Protein backbone atom coordinates (compact mmCIF):
# COMPACT_ATOMS: atom_id res chain seq x y z
CA MET A 1 0.00 0.00 0.00
CA SER A 2 1.57 3.25 -1.11
CA PHE A 3 -0.08 6.51 -0.18
CA LYS A 4 0.43 10.15 0.71
CA LEU A 5 -1.22 12.07 3.57
CA THR A 6 -1.83 15.79 3.17
CA ILE A 7 -3.43 18.26 5.56
CA ASP A 8 -5.01 21.19 3.74
CA ALA A 9 -5.60 24.33 5.82
CA GLU A 10 -8.02 27.07 4.85
CA GLU A 11 -9.31 30.00 6.89
CA GLU A 12 -12.13 28.06 8.54
CA ALA A 13 -11.60 24.49 7.36
CA LEU A 14 -9.02 21.75 7.68
CA SER A 15 -9.03 18.54 5.70
CA LEU A 16 -6.99 15.37 5.61
CA LYS A 17 -6.46 13.93 2.18
CA VAL A 18 -5.18 10.43 1.44
CA SER A 19 -4.00 9.97 -2.13
CA GLY A 20 -1.80 7.73 -4.21
CA PHE A 21 -3.25 4.42 -3.01
CA ASP A 22 -4.39 1.38 -4.98
CA ALA A 23 -8.14 1.22 -5.58
CA LYS A 24 -8.24 -2.19 -3.88
CA ASP A 25 -7.13 -0.53 -0.62
CA ARG A 26 -9.84 2.15 -0.66
CA ALA A 27 -12.29 0.39 1.70
CA LEU A 28 -9.58 -0.36 4.28
CA ILE A 29 -8.25 3.21 4.17
CA GLN A 30 -11.78 4.57 4.48
CA ALA A 31 -12.43 2.33 7.51
CA ARG A 32 -9.17 3.46 9.16
CA LEU A 33 -10.07 7.10 8.55
CA ALA A 34 -13.47 6.55 10.16
CA GLU A 35 -11.78 5.05 13.25
CA VAL A 36 -9.38 7.97 13.54
CA ALA A 37 -12.14 10.52 12.84
CA GLU A 38 -14.22 9.16 15.73
CA LEU A 39 -11.26 9.54 18.10
CA LEU A 40 -10.43 13.02 16.78
CA GLU A 41 -14.04 14.11 17.17
CA GLU A 42 -14.03 13.11 20.85
CA ILE A 43 -10.72 14.87 21.52
CA LEU A 44 -11.83 18.05 19.75
CA SER A 45 -15.10 17.95 21.66
CA SER A 46 -13.18 17.80 24.95
CA ASP A 47 -11.00 20.71 23.78
CA GLU A 48 -14.14 22.69 22.99
CA ALA A 49 -15.53 22.00 26.47
CA ALA A 50 -12.25 23.07 28.08
CA ASN A 51 -12.15 26.24 25.99
CA SER A 52 -15.60 27.20 27.28
CA LEU A 53 -14.47 27.18 30.92
CA THR A 54 -14.13 30.39 32.87
CA GLU A 55 -10.64 31.41 33.96
CA ALA A 56 -11.37 30.23 37.52
CA GLU A 57 -12.73 26.87 36.33
CA LEU A 58 -9.78 26.38 34.01
CA THR A 59 -7.32 27.15 36.81
CA ARG A 60 -9.00 24.59 39.06
CA LEU A 61 -9.25 21.89 36.38
CA GLU A 62 -6.00 22.52 34.51
CA PRO A 63 -3.98 19.77 36.28
CA SER A 64 -6.67 17.18 35.50
CA LEU A 65 -6.97 18.29 31.90
CA ALA A 66 -3.18 18.30 31.46
CA ALA A 67 -2.99 14.76 32.88
CA LEU A 68 -5.59 13.53 30.40
CA GLU A 69 -3.84 15.36 27.55
CA LEU A 70 -0.63 13.55 28.44
CA LYS A 71 -2.51 10.24 28.56
CA TYR A 72 -3.96 10.92 25.06
CA LYS A 73 -0.45 11.47 23.75
CA ILE A 74 0.90 8.33 25.40
CA ILE A 75 -1.95 6.23 24.02
CA MET A 76 -1.55 7.68 20.52
CA HIS A 77 2.19 6.95 20.69
CA GLN A 78 1.42 3.38 21.79
CA ALA A 79 -1.05 2.99 18.92
CA GLY A 80 1.65 4.14 16.51
CA GLU A 81 4.08 1.60 17.97
CA LEU A 82 1.48 -1.17 17.56
CA ALA A 83 0.93 -0.16 13.94
CA GLN A 84 4.69 -0.29 13.37
CA ALA A 85 4.79 -3.73 14.99
CA ALA A 86 1.98 -4.95 12.74
CA LYS A 87 3.90 -3.64 9.73
CA GLY A 88 7.05 -5.44 10.88
CA ILE A 89 5.13 -8.69 11.33
CA ALA A 90 3.48 -8.31 7.91
CA GLN A 91 6.89 -7.68 6.35
CA GLY A 92 8.32 -10.74 8.07
CA HIS A 93 11.11 -9.18 10.12
CA GLU A 94 9.26 -9.30 13.46
CA THR A 95 7.12 -11.90 15.20
CA ILE A 96 4.11 -11.56 17.45
CA SER A 97 6.08 -13.13 20.31
CA GLN A 98 8.32 -10.04 20.26
CA HIS A 99 5.23 -8.06 21.18
CA GLY A 100 3.89 -10.11 24.07
CA PHE A 101 1.91 -12.89 22.39
CA PRO A 102 4.14 -15.98 22.18
CA GLU A 103 1.12 -18.28 21.92
CA PHE A 104 0.45 -16.91 18.41
CA ASP A 105 4.03 -17.13 17.19
CA ASP A 106 3.33 -19.95 14.74
CA ALA A 107 0.32 -18.17 13.22
């Protein structure tokens, strides 16, 4: 699967474009985008809620919000590592046992 990701920025709109992929991969790419879009929608919704706080509310809740922001970043990093592991397994230079599942190593 070969592709290119582009983020287009306009005054009041942002868009993510995936191009350069084989037509046979379209459904999978579309499904992956839907998964990521759902996550992004929830994160942006939480940002919107935080941005509507008063200064006093934000001061009180800032440590909690910062902790969750850090957790988002850790989880997204972990998801990226898992995707890299899946790529390595698919390419044959890693095994599932290297990633904590020795019972599936022969699969």
